[in-house]
PDB file of N, CA and C in Angstrom:
ATOM      1  N   MET A   1       0.818  -1.196   0.000  1.00  0.00           N
ATOM      2  CA  MET A   1       0.000   0.000   0.000  1.00  0.00           C
ATOM      3  C   MET A   1       0.863   1.261   0.000  1.00  0.00           C
ATOM      4  N   VAL A   2       1.889   1.271   0.830  1.00  0.00           N
ATOM      5  CA  VAL A   2       2.763   2.436   0.888  1.00  0.00           C
ATOM      6  C   VAL A   2       3.446   2.648  -0.451  1.00  0.00           C
ATOM      7  N   SER A   3       3.900   1.577  -1.068  1.00  0.00           N
ATOM      8  CA  SER A   3       4.594   1.734  -2.347  1.00  0.00           C
ATOM      9  C   SER A   3       3.653   2.229  -3.437  1.00  0.00           C
ATOM     10  N   THR A   4       2.393   1.836  -3.406  1.00  0.00           N
ATOM     11  CA  THR A   4       1.419   2.324  -4.383  1.00  0.00           C
ATOM     12  C   THR A   4       1.208   3.828  -4.214  1.00  0.00           C
ATOM     13  N   MET A   5       1.080   4.265  -2.983  1.00  0.00           N
ATOM     14  CA  MET A   5       0.914   5.700  -2.726  1.00  0.00           C
ATOM     15  C   MET A   5       2.167   6.465  -3.136  1.00  0.00           C
ATOM     16  N   GLU A   6       3.313   5.907  -2.847  1.00  0.00           N
ATOM     17  CA  GLU A   6       4.577   6.546  -3.228  1.00  0.00           C
ATOM     18  C   GLU A   6       4.702   6.617  -4.741  1.00  0.00           C
ATOM     19  N   ASN A   7       4.310   5.549  -5.429  1.00  0.00           N
ATOM     20  CA  ASN A   7       4.358   5.535  -6.894  1.00  0.00           C
ATOM     21  C   ASN A   7       3.441   6.608  -7.483  1.00  0.00           C
ATOM     22  N   ARG A   8       2.262   6.763  -6.911  1.00  0.00           N
ATOM     23  CA  ARG A   8       1.337   7.800  -7.392  1.00  0.00           C
ATOM     24  C   ARG A   8       1.923   9.192  -7.183  1.00  0.00           C
ATOM     25  N   ARG A   9       2.514   9.386  -6.032  1.00  0.00           N
ATOM     26  CA  ARG A   9       3.133  10.682  -5.731  1.00  0.00           C
ATOM     27  C   ARG A   9       4.265  10.979  -6.708  1.00  0.00           C
ATOM     28  N   LEU A  10       5.094   9.965  -6.955  1.00  0.00           N
ATOM     29  CA  LEU A  10       6.211  10.139  -7.888  1.00  0.00           C
ATOM     30  C   LEU A  10       5.710  10.392  -9.308  1.00  0.00           C
ATOM     31  N   LEU A  11       4.669   9.673  -9.713  1.00  0.00           N
ATOM     32  CA  LEU A  11       4.095   9.876 -11.043  1.00  0.00           C
ATOM     33  C   LEU A  11       3.562  11.300 -11.178  1.00  0.00           C
ATOM     34  N   HIS A  12       2.890  11.774 -10.147  1.00  0.00           N
ATOM     35  CA  HIS A  12       2.375  13.148 -10.164  1.00  0.00           C
ATOM     36  C   HIS A  12       3.523  14.153 -10.292  1.00  0.00           C
ATOM     37  N   GLN A  13       4.607  13.932  -9.563  1.00  0.00           N
ATOM     38  CA  GLN A  13       5.771  14.823  -9.645  1.00  0.00           C
ATOM     39  C   GLN A  13       6.370  14.816 -11.047  1.00  0.00           C
ATOM     40  N   ILE A  14       6.456  13.639 -11.639  1.00  0.00           N
ATOM     41  CA  ILE A  14       7.012  13.520 -12.997  1.00  0.00           C
ATOM     42  C   ILE A  14       6.119  14.245 -13.997  1.00  0.00           C
ATOM     43  N   GLN A  15       4.813  14.073 -13.875  1.00  0.00           N
ATOM     44  CA  GLN A  15       3.886  14.745 -14.788  1.00  0.00           C
ATOM     45  C   GLN A  15       3.968  16.262 -14.635  1.00  0.00           C
ATOM     46  N   ARG A  16       4.062  16.707 -13.403  1.00  0.00           N
ATOM     47  CA  ARG A  16       4.180  18.150 -13.147  1.00  0.00           C
ATOM     48  C   ARG A  16       5.466  18.703 -13.744  1.00  0.00           C
ATOM     49  N   ARG A  17       6.571  18.012 -13.520  1.00  0.00           N
ATOM     50  CA  ARG A  17       7.867  18.444 -14.058  1.00  0.00           C
ATOM     51  C   ARG A  17       7.836  18.446 -15.583  1.00  0.00           C
ATOM     52  N   SER A  18       7.196  17.453 -16.169  1.00  0.00           N
ATOM     53  CA  SER A  18       7.083  17.385 -17.627  1.00  0.00           C
ATOM     54  C   SER A  18       6.322  18.593 -18.167  1.00  0.00           C
ATOM     55  N   THR A  19       5.224  18.949 -17.515  1.00  0.00           N
ATOM     56  CA  THR A  19       4.448  20.125 -17.925  1.00  0.00           C
ATOM     57  C   THR A  19       5.280  21.391 -17.804  1.00  0.00           C
ATOM     58  N   GLN A  20       6.055  21.499 -16.743  1.00  0.00           N
ATOM     59  CA  GLN A  20       6.903  22.674 -16.554  1.00  0.00           C
ATOM     60  C   GLN A  20       7.974  22.764 -17.639  1.00  0.00           C
ATOM     61  N   LEU A  21       8.563  21.633 -17.995  1.00  0.00           N
ATOM     62  CA  LEU A  21       9.572  21.635 -19.061  1.00  0.00           C
ATOM     63  C   LEU A  21       8.949  21.986 -20.405  1.00  0.00           C
ATOM     64  N   GLU A  22       7.756  21.467 -20.669  1.00  0.00           N
ATOM     65  CA  GLU A  22       7.052  21.814 -21.906  1.00  0.00           C
ATOM     66  C   GLU A  22       6.750  23.314 -21.944  1.00  0.00           C
ATOM     67  N   THR A  23       6.359  23.855 -20.813  1.00  0.00           N
ATOM     68  CA  THR A  23       6.080  25.291 -20.726  1.00  0.00           C
ATOM     69  C   THR A  23       7.336  26.100 -21.008  1.00  0.00           C
ATOM     70  N   SER A  24       8.445  25.692 -20.435  1.00  0.00           N
ATOM     71  CA  SER A  24       9.720  26.386 -20.667  1.00  0.00           C
ATOM     72  C   SER A  24      10.092  26.358 -22.143  1.00  0.00           C
ATOM     73  N   ALA A  25       9.903  25.221 -22.781  1.00  0.00           N
ATOM     74  CA  ALA A  25      10.202  25.105 -24.211  1.00  0.00           C
ATOM     75  C   ALA A  25       9.281  26.002 -25.029  1.00  0.00           C
ATOM     76  N   GLU A  26       8.014  26.069 -24.646  1.00  0.00           N
ATOM     77  CA  GLU A  26       7.058  26.923 -25.360  1.00  0.00           C
ATOM     78  C   GLU A  26       7.412  28.400 -25.191  1.00  0.00           C
ATOM     79  N   VAL A  27       7.844  28.796 -24.003  1.00  0.00           N
ATOM     80  CA  VAL A  27       8.279  30.180 -23.782  1.00  0.00           C
ATOM     81  C   VAL A  27       9.460  30.497 -24.692  1.00  0.00           C
ATOM     82  N   SER A  28      10.407  29.588 -24.793  1.00  0.00           N
ATOM     83  CA  SER A  28      11.567  29.794 -25.677  1.00  0.00           C
ATOM     84  C   SER A  28      11.137  29.928 -27.128  1.00  0.00           C
ATOM     85  N   ARG A  29      10.207  29.078 -27.545  1.00  0.00           N
ATOM     86  CA  ARG A  29       9.730  29.122 -28.929  1.00  0.00           C
ATOM     87  C   ARG A  29       9.052  30.462 -29.214  1.00  0.00           C
ATOM     88  N   ILE A  30       8.199  30.888 -28.322  1.00  0.00           N
ATOM     89  CA  ILE A  30       7.485  32.151 -28.523  1.00  0.00           C
ATOM     90  C   ILE A  30       8.453  33.329 -28.493  1.00  0.00           C
ATOM     91  N   ALA A  31       9.426  33.281 -27.595  1.00  0.00           N
ATOM     92  CA  ALA A  31      10.398  34.377 -27.494  1.00  0.00           C
ATOM     93  C   ALA A  31      11.204  34.534 -28.776  1.00  0.00           C
ATOM     94  N   SER A  32      11.353  33.449 -29.516  1.00  0.00           N
ATOM     95  CA  SER A  32      12.118  33.545 -30.763  1.00  0.00           C
ATOM     96  C   SER A  32      11.251  33.959 -31.950  1.00  0.00           C
ATOM     97  N   THR A  33       9.927  33.965 -31.771  1.00  0.00           N
ATOM     98  CA  THR A  33       9.051  34.317 -32.893  1.00  0.00           C
ATOM     99  C   THR A  33       8.336  35.658 -32.720  1.00  0.00           C
ATOM    100  N   ILE A  34       8.084  36.065 -31.490  1.00  0.00           N
ATOM    101  CA  ILE A  34       7.412  37.350 -31.243  1.00  0.00           C
ATOM    102  C   ILE A  34       8.479  38.359 -30.828  1.00  0.00           C
ATOM    103  N   LEU A  35       8.695  39.351 -31.653  1.00  0.00           N
ATOM    104  CA  LEU A  35       9.767  40.313 -31.403  1.00  0.00           C
ATOM    105  C   LEU A  35       9.314  41.552 -30.639  1.00  0.00           C
ATOM    106  N   ASP A  36       8.033  41.837 -30.667  1.00  0.00           N
ATOM    107  CA  ASP A  36       7.506  43.027 -30.001  1.00  0.00           C
ATOM    108  C   ASP A  36       7.259  42.720 -28.518  1.00  0.00           C
ATOM    109  N   PRO A  37       7.996  43.383 -27.608  1.00  0.00           N
ATOM    110  CA  PRO A  37       7.825  43.105 -26.174  1.00  0.00           C
ATOM    111  C   PRO A  37       6.392  43.297 -25.668  1.00  0.00           C
ATOM    112  N   SER A  38       5.656  44.236 -26.248  1.00  0.00           N
ATOM    113  CA  SER A  38       4.281  44.471 -25.787  1.00  0.00           C
ATOM    114  C   SER A  38       3.363  43.291 -26.111  1.00  0.00           C
ATOM    115  N   GLU A  39       3.725  42.486 -27.097  1.00  0.00           N
ATOM    116  CA  GLU A  39       2.991  41.256 -27.414  1.00  0.00           C
ATOM    117  C   GLU A  39       3.589  40.062 -26.680  1.00  0.00           C
ATOM    118  N   LEU A  40       4.908  40.025 -26.616  1.00  0.00           N
ATOM    119  CA  LEU A  40       5.616  38.880 -26.048  1.00  0.00           C
ATOM    120  C   LEU A  40       5.375  38.721 -24.549  1.00  0.00           C
ATOM    121  N   LEU A  41       5.541  39.784 -23.782  1.00  0.00           N
ATOM    122  CA  LEU A  41       5.499  39.671 -22.323  1.00  0.00           C
ATOM    123  C   LEU A  41       4.154  39.176 -21.786  1.00  0.00           C
ATOM    124  N   PRO A  42       3.012  39.703 -22.243  1.00  0.00           N
ATOM    125  CA  PRO A  42       1.736  39.152 -21.755  1.00  0.00           C
ATOM    126  C   PRO A  42       1.553  37.675 -22.120  1.00  0.00           C
ATOM    127  N   GLU A  43       2.001  37.300 -23.295  1.00  0.00           N
ATOM    128  CA  GLU A  43       1.906  35.898 -23.725  1.00  0.00           C
ATOM    129  C   GLU A  43       2.737  34.995 -22.815  1.00  0.00           C
ATOM    130  N   VAL A  44       3.947  35.421 -22.513  1.00  0.00           N
ATOM    131  CA  VAL A  44       4.839  34.650 -21.642  1.00  0.00           C
ATOM    132  C   VAL A  44       4.261  34.547 -20.232  1.00  0.00           C
ATOM    133  N   VAL A  45       3.719  35.637 -19.722  1.00  0.00           N
ATOM    134  CA  VAL A  45       3.123  35.631 -18.383  1.00  0.00           C
ATOM    135  C   VAL A  45       2.002  34.594 -18.300  1.00  0.00           C
ATOM    136  N   GLU A  46       1.124  34.575 -19.287  1.00  0.00           N
ATOM    137  CA  GLU A  46       0.012  33.616 -19.258  1.00  0.00           C
ATOM    138  C   GLU A  46       0.512  32.179 -19.370  1.00  0.00           C
ATOM    139  N   LEU A  47       1.492  31.944 -20.227  1.00  0.00           N
ATOM    140  CA  LEU A  47       2.062  30.595 -20.347  1.00  0.00           C
ATOM    141  C   LEU A  47       2.662  30.128 -19.029  1.00  0.00           C
ATOM    142  N   ILE A  48       3.417  30.988 -18.386  1.00  0.00           N
ATOM    143  CA  ILE A  48       4.055  30.634 -17.115  1.00  0.00           C
ATOM    144  C   ILE A  48       2.999  30.380 -16.043  1.00  0.00           C
ATOM    145  N   LYS A  49       2.003  31.236 -15.973  1.00  0.00           N
ATOM    146  CA  LYS A  49       0.947  31.069 -14.971  1.00  0.00           C
ATOM    147  C   LYS A  49       0.257  29.720 -15.128  1.00  0.00           C
ATOM    148  N   LYS A  50      -0.128  29.395 -16.355  1.00  0.00           N
ATOM    149  CA  LYS A  50      -0.835  28.135 -16.603  1.00  0.00           C
ATOM    150  C   LYS A  50       0.088  26.929 -16.459  1.00  0.00           C
ATOM    151  N   GLY A  51       1.262  26.994 -17.079  1.00  0.00           N
ATOM    152  CA  GLY A  51       2.163  25.847 -17.090  1.00  0.00           C
ATOM    153  C   GLY A  51       2.733  25.486 -15.735  1.00  0.00           C
ATOM    154  N   PHE A  52       2.895  26.485 -14.859  1.00  0.00           N
ATOM    155  CA  PHE A  52       3.438  26.229 -13.528  1.00  0.00           C
ATOM    156  C   PHE A  52       2.338  26.241 -12.464  1.00  0.00           C
ATOM    157  N   ASP A  53       1.080  26.340 -12.919  1.00  0.00           N
ATOM    158  CA  ASP A  53      -0.087  26.292 -12.038  1.00  0.00           C
ATOM    159  C   ASP A  53       0.022  27.333 -10.922  1.00  0.00           C
ATOM    160  N   LEU A  54       0.215  28.588 -11.331  1.00  0.00           N
ATOM    161  CA  LEU A  54       0.374  29.685 -10.380  1.00  0.00           C
ATOM    162  C   LEU A  54      -0.898  30.521 -10.309  1.00  0.00           C
ATOM    163  N   TYR A  55      -1.121  31.149  -9.172  1.00  0.00           N
ATOM    164  CA  TYR A  55      -2.239  32.082  -9.038  1.00  0.00           C
ATOM    165  C   TYR A  55      -1.957  33.352  -9.839  1.00  0.00           C
ATOM    166  N   TYR A  56      -0.709  33.798  -9.800  1.00  0.00           N
ATOM    167  CA  TYR A  56      -0.333  35.052 -10.444  1.00  0.00           C
ATOM    168  C   TYR A  56       1.083  34.935 -10.994  1.00  0.00           C
ATOM    169  N   ALA A  57       1.315  35.571 -12.116  1.00  0.00           N
ATOM    170  CA  ALA A  57       2.666  35.704 -12.666  1.00  0.00           C
ATOM    171  C   ALA A  57       2.810  37.113 -13.221  1.00  0.00           C
ATOM    172  N   GLY A  58       3.996  37.660 -13.084  1.00  0.00           N
ATOM    173  CA  GLY A  58       4.264  38.992 -13.602  1.00  0.00           C
ATOM    174  C   GLY A  58       5.708  39.105 -14.046  1.00  0.00           C
ATOM    175  N   ILE A  59       5.954  40.016 -14.959  1.00  0.00           N
ATOM    176  CA  ILE A  59       7.313  40.274 -15.432  1.00  0.00           C
ATOM    177  C   ILE A  59       7.638  41.735 -15.151  1.00  0.00           C
ATOM    178  N   PHE A  60       8.724  41.927 -14.438  1.00  0.00           N
ATOM    179  CA  PHE A  60       9.233  43.260 -14.130  1.00  0.00           C
ATOM    180  C   PHE A  60      10.510  43.485 -14.927  1.00  0.00           C
ATOM    181  N   LEU A  61      10.677  44.686 -15.450  1.00  0.00           N
ATOM    182  CA  LEU A  61      11.915  45.066 -16.126  1.00  0.00           C
ATOM    183  C   LEU A  61      12.506  46.277 -15.416  1.00  0.00           C
ATOM    184  N   ILE A  62      13.821  46.303 -15.338  1.00  0.00           N
ATOM    185  CA  ILE A  62      14.510  47.416 -14.687  1.00  0.00           C
ATOM    186  C   ILE A  62      14.441  48.648 -15.585  1.00  0.00           C
ATOM    187  N   ASP A  63      14.061  49.753 -15.000  1.00  0.00           N
ATOM    188  CA  ASP A  63      14.008  51.033 -15.716  1.00  0.00           C
ATOM    189  C   ASP A  63      15.427  51.614 -15.750  1.00  0.00           C
ATOM    190  N   GLU A  64      16.236  51.095 -16.671  1.00  0.00           N
ATOM    191  CA  GLU A  64      17.655  51.478 -16.736  1.00  0.00           C
ATOM    192  C   GLU A  64      17.860  52.946 -17.076  1.00  0.00           C
ATOM    193  N   SER A  65      17.034  53.481 -17.941  1.00  0.00           N
ATOM    194  CA  SER A  65      17.218  54.865 -18.390  1.00  0.00           C
ATOM    195  C   SER A  65      16.559  55.876 -17.453  1.00  0.00           C
ATOM    196  N   GLY A  66      15.647  55.410 -16.626  1.00  0.00           N
ATOM    197  CA  GLY A  66      14.887  56.329 -15.782  1.00  0.00           C
ATOM    198  C   GLY A  66      13.713  56.951 -16.510  1.00  0.00           C
ATOM    199  N   GLU A  67      13.455  56.495 -17.726  1.00  0.00           N
ATOM    200  CA  GLU A  67      12.387  57.054 -18.544  1.00  0.00           C
ATOM    201  C   GLU A  67      11.012  56.908 -17.885  1.00  0.00           C
ATOM    202  N   LEU A  68      10.780  55.787 -17.218  1.00  0.00           N
ATOM    203  CA  LEU A  68       9.472  55.536 -16.614  1.00  0.00           C
ATOM    204  C   LEU A  68       9.335  56.103 -15.206  1.00  0.00           C
ATOM    205  N   THR A  69      10.440  56.149 -14.482  1.00  0.00           N
ATOM    206  CA  THR A  69      10.378  56.523 -13.064  1.00  0.00           C
ATOM    207  C   THR A  69      11.142  57.791 -12.729  1.00  0.00           C
ATOM    208  N   GLY A  70      11.984  58.250 -13.645  1.00  0.00           N
ATOM    209  CA  GLY A  70      12.803  59.424 -13.374  1.00  0.00           C
ATOM    210  C   GLY A  70      14.065  59.114 -12.597  1.00  0.00           C
ATOM    211  N   GLU A  71      14.261  57.845 -12.255  1.00  0.00           N
ATOM    212  CA  GLU A  71      15.438  57.442 -11.481  1.00  0.00           C
ATOM    213  C   GLU A  71      16.050  56.197 -12.120  1.00  0.00           C
ATOM    214  N   PRO A  72      17.124  56.359 -12.888  1.00  0.00           N
ATOM    215  CA  PRO A  72      17.734  55.214 -13.570  1.00  0.00           C
ATOM    216  C   PRO A  72      18.168  54.116 -12.601  1.00  0.00           C
ATOM    217  N   ASN A  73      17.907  52.875 -13.006  1.00  0.00           N
ATOM    218  CA  ASN A  73      18.352  51.671 -12.296  1.00  0.00           C
ATOM    219  C   ASN A  73      17.897  51.570 -10.848  1.00  0.00           C
ATOM    220  N   LYS A  74      16.863  52.293 -10.472  1.00  0.00           N
ATOM    221  CA  LYS A  74      16.385  52.228  -9.089  1.00  0.00           C
ATOM    222  C   LYS A  74      15.116  51.391  -8.946  1.00  0.00           C
ATOM    223  N   TRP A  75      14.373  51.233 -10.039  1.00  0.00           N
ATOM    224  CA  TRP A  75      13.081  50.565  -9.970  1.00  0.00           C
ATOM    225  C   TRP A  75      12.960  49.448 -11.004  1.00  0.00           C
ATOM    226  N   ALA A  76      12.272  48.376 -10.607  1.00  0.00           N
ATOM    227  CA  ALA A  76      11.821  47.341 -11.539  1.00  0.00           C
ATOM    228  C   ALA A  76      10.330  47.600 -11.739  1.00  0.00           C
ATOM    229  N   VAL A  77       9.941  47.814 -12.978  1.00  0.00           N
ATOM    230  CA  VAL A  77       8.572  48.227 -13.292  1.00  0.00           C
ATOM    231  C   VAL A  77       7.820  47.056 -13.915  1.00  0.00           C
ATOM    232  N   LEU A  78       6.609  46.799 -13.415  1.00  0.00           N
ATOM    233  CA  LEU A  78       5.787  45.722 -13.953  1.00  0.00           C
ATOM    234  C   LEU A  78       5.456  46.011 -15.414  1.00  0.00           C
ATOM    235  N   GLN A  79       5.739  45.050 -16.277  1.00  0.00           N
ATOM    236  CA  GLN A  79       5.471  45.199 -17.706  1.00  0.00           C
ATOM    237  C   GLN A  79       4.347  44.295 -18.181  1.00  0.00           C
ATOM    238  N   ALA A  80       4.098  43.198 -17.461  1.00  0.00           N
ATOM    239  CA  ALA A  80       3.014  42.275 -17.795  1.00  0.00           C
ATOM    240  C   ALA A  80       2.624  41.529 -16.528  1.00  0.00           C
ATOM    241  N   GLY A  81       1.329  41.360 -16.336  1.00  0.00           N
ATOM    242  CA  GLY A  81       0.833  40.634 -15.171  1.00  0.00           C
ATOM    243  C   GLY A  81      -0.433  39.884 -15.534  1.00  0.00           C
ATOM    244  N   SER A  82      -0.640  38.752 -14.894  1.00  0.00           N
ATOM    245  CA  SER A  82      -1.778  37.907 -15.243  1.00  0.00           C
ATOM    246  C   SER A  82      -3.043  38.288 -14.480  1.00  0.00           C
ATOM    247  N   GLY A  83      -4.168  38.072 -15.133  1.00  0.00           N
ATOM    248  CA  GLY A  83      -5.469  38.232 -14.506  1.00  0.00           C
ATOM    249  C   GLY A  83      -5.786  39.644 -14.044  1.00  0.00           C
ATOM    250  N   GLN A  84      -6.822  39.729 -13.219  1.00  0.00           N
ATOM    251  CA  GLN A  84      -7.265  41.017 -12.690  1.00  0.00           C
ATOM    252  C   GLN A  84      -6.195  41.686 -11.830  1.00  0.00           C
ATOM    253  N   PRO A  85      -5.483  40.933 -10.963  1.00  0.00           N
ATOM    254  CA  PRO A  85      -4.419  41.592 -10.188  1.00  0.00           C
ATOM    255  C   PRO A  85      -3.373  42.242 -11.090  1.00  0.00           C
ATOM    256  N   GLY A  86      -3.011  41.561 -12.161  1.00  0.00           N
ATOM    257  CA  GLY A  86      -2.030  42.107 -13.090  1.00  0.00           C
ATOM    258  C   GLY A  86      -2.525  43.368 -13.770  1.00  0.00           C
ATOM    259  N   ARG A  87      -3.788  43.344 -14.192  1.00  0.00           N
ATOM    260  CA  ARG A  87      -4.363  44.532 -14.842  1.00  0.00           C
ATOM    261  C   ARG A  87      -4.368  45.723 -13.885  1.00  0.00           C
ATOM    262  N   GLN A  88      -4.761  45.467 -12.643  1.00  0.00           N
ATOM    263  CA  GLN A  88      -4.804  46.558 -11.662  1.00  0.00           C
ATOM    264  C   GLN A  88      -3.411  47.122 -11.398  1.00  0.00           C
ATOM    265  N   MET A  89      -2.439  46.242 -11.237  1.00  0.00           N
ATOM    266  CA  MET A  89      -1.078  46.722 -10.962  1.00  0.00           C
ATOM    267  C   MET A  89      -0.492  47.453 -12.160  1.00  0.00           C
ATOM    268  N   LEU A  90      -0.802  47.000 -13.376  1.00  0.00           N
ATOM    269  CA  LEU A  90      -0.330  47.699 -14.570  1.00  0.00           C
ATOM    270  C   LEU A  90      -0.945  49.095 -14.654  1.00  0.00           C
ATOM    271  N   GLU A  91      -2.233  49.193 -14.341  1.00  0.00           N
ATOM    272  CA  GLU A  91      -2.917  50.488 -14.389  1.00  0.00           C
ATOM    273  C   GLU A  91      -2.322  51.489 -13.406  1.00  0.00           C
ATOM    274  N   THR A  92      -1.853  51.004 -12.270  1.00  0.00           N
ATOM    275  CA  THR A  92      -1.298  51.907 -11.256  1.00  0.00           C
ATOM    276  C   THR A  92       0.210  52.092 -11.396  1.00  0.00           C
ATOM    277  N   GLY A  93       0.812  51.453 -12.412  1.00  0.00           N
ATOM    278  CA  GLY A  93       2.250  51.608 -12.620  1.00  0.00           C
ATOM    279  C   GLY A  93       3.081  50.946 -11.528  1.00  0.00           C
ATOM    280  N   HIS A  94       2.671  49.752 -11.125  1.00  0.00           N
ATOM    281  CA  HIS A  94       3.337  49.046 -10.023  1.00  0.00           C
ATOM    282  C   HIS A  94       4.829  48.873 -10.296  1.00  0.00           C
ATOM    283  N   LYS A  95       5.627  49.132  -9.272  1.00  0.00           N
ATOM    284  CA  LYS A  95       7.080  49.009  -9.391  1.00  0.00           C
ATOM    285  C   LYS A  95       7.653  48.557  -8.058  1.00  0.00           C
ATOM    286  N   LEU A  96       8.828  47.969  -8.117  1.00  0.00           N
ATOM    287  CA  LEU A  96       9.539  47.513  -6.927  1.00  0.00           C
ATOM    288  C   LEU A  96      10.892  48.196  -6.878  1.00  0.00           C
ATOM    289  N   GLU A  97      11.234  48.699  -5.711  1.00  0.00           N
ATOM    290  CA  GLU A  97      12.533  49.346  -5.563  1.00  0.00           C
ATOM    291  C   GLU A  97      13.627  48.283  -5.550  1.00  0.00           C
ATOM    292  N   ILE A  98      14.652  48.505  -6.332  1.00  0.00           N
ATOM    293  CA  ILE A  98      15.773  47.573  -6.394  1.00  0.00           C
ATOM    294  C   ILE A  98      16.615  47.755  -5.136  1.00  0.00           C
ATOM    295  N   GLY A  99      16.829  46.648  -4.439  1.00  0.00           N
ATOM    296  CA  GLY A  99      17.606  46.698  -3.214  1.00  0.00           C
ATOM    297  C   GLY A  99      16.835  47.239  -2.027  1.00  0.00           C
ATOM    298  N   GLY A 100      15.539  47.466  -2.214  1.00  0.00           N
ATOM    299  CA  GLY A 100      14.739  48.080  -1.157  1.00  0.00           C
ATOM    300  C   GLY A 100      13.945  47.126  -0.347  1.00  0.00           C
TER     301      GLY A 100
END
């Protein structure tokens, strides 16, 4: 009985890992075909959220020039976020202080 339960657990882990690897490969494929970041980032966020079974996924990029925040290299600014939380944070210009 214990070995059957252990086998099921291991099978579930293998299936989960397989889905995650497939998701990673799909992200790579899309990244090589979609060149526009405004199209690419939301697509990648949704793939990661679904493939890794997450409640939320988001991509932050560092504002190196300071164009978005007025302070170069101080903030990571949300560029894509999944679902309603992502939409709300994008609307408010959500950012994280680097090193803060």
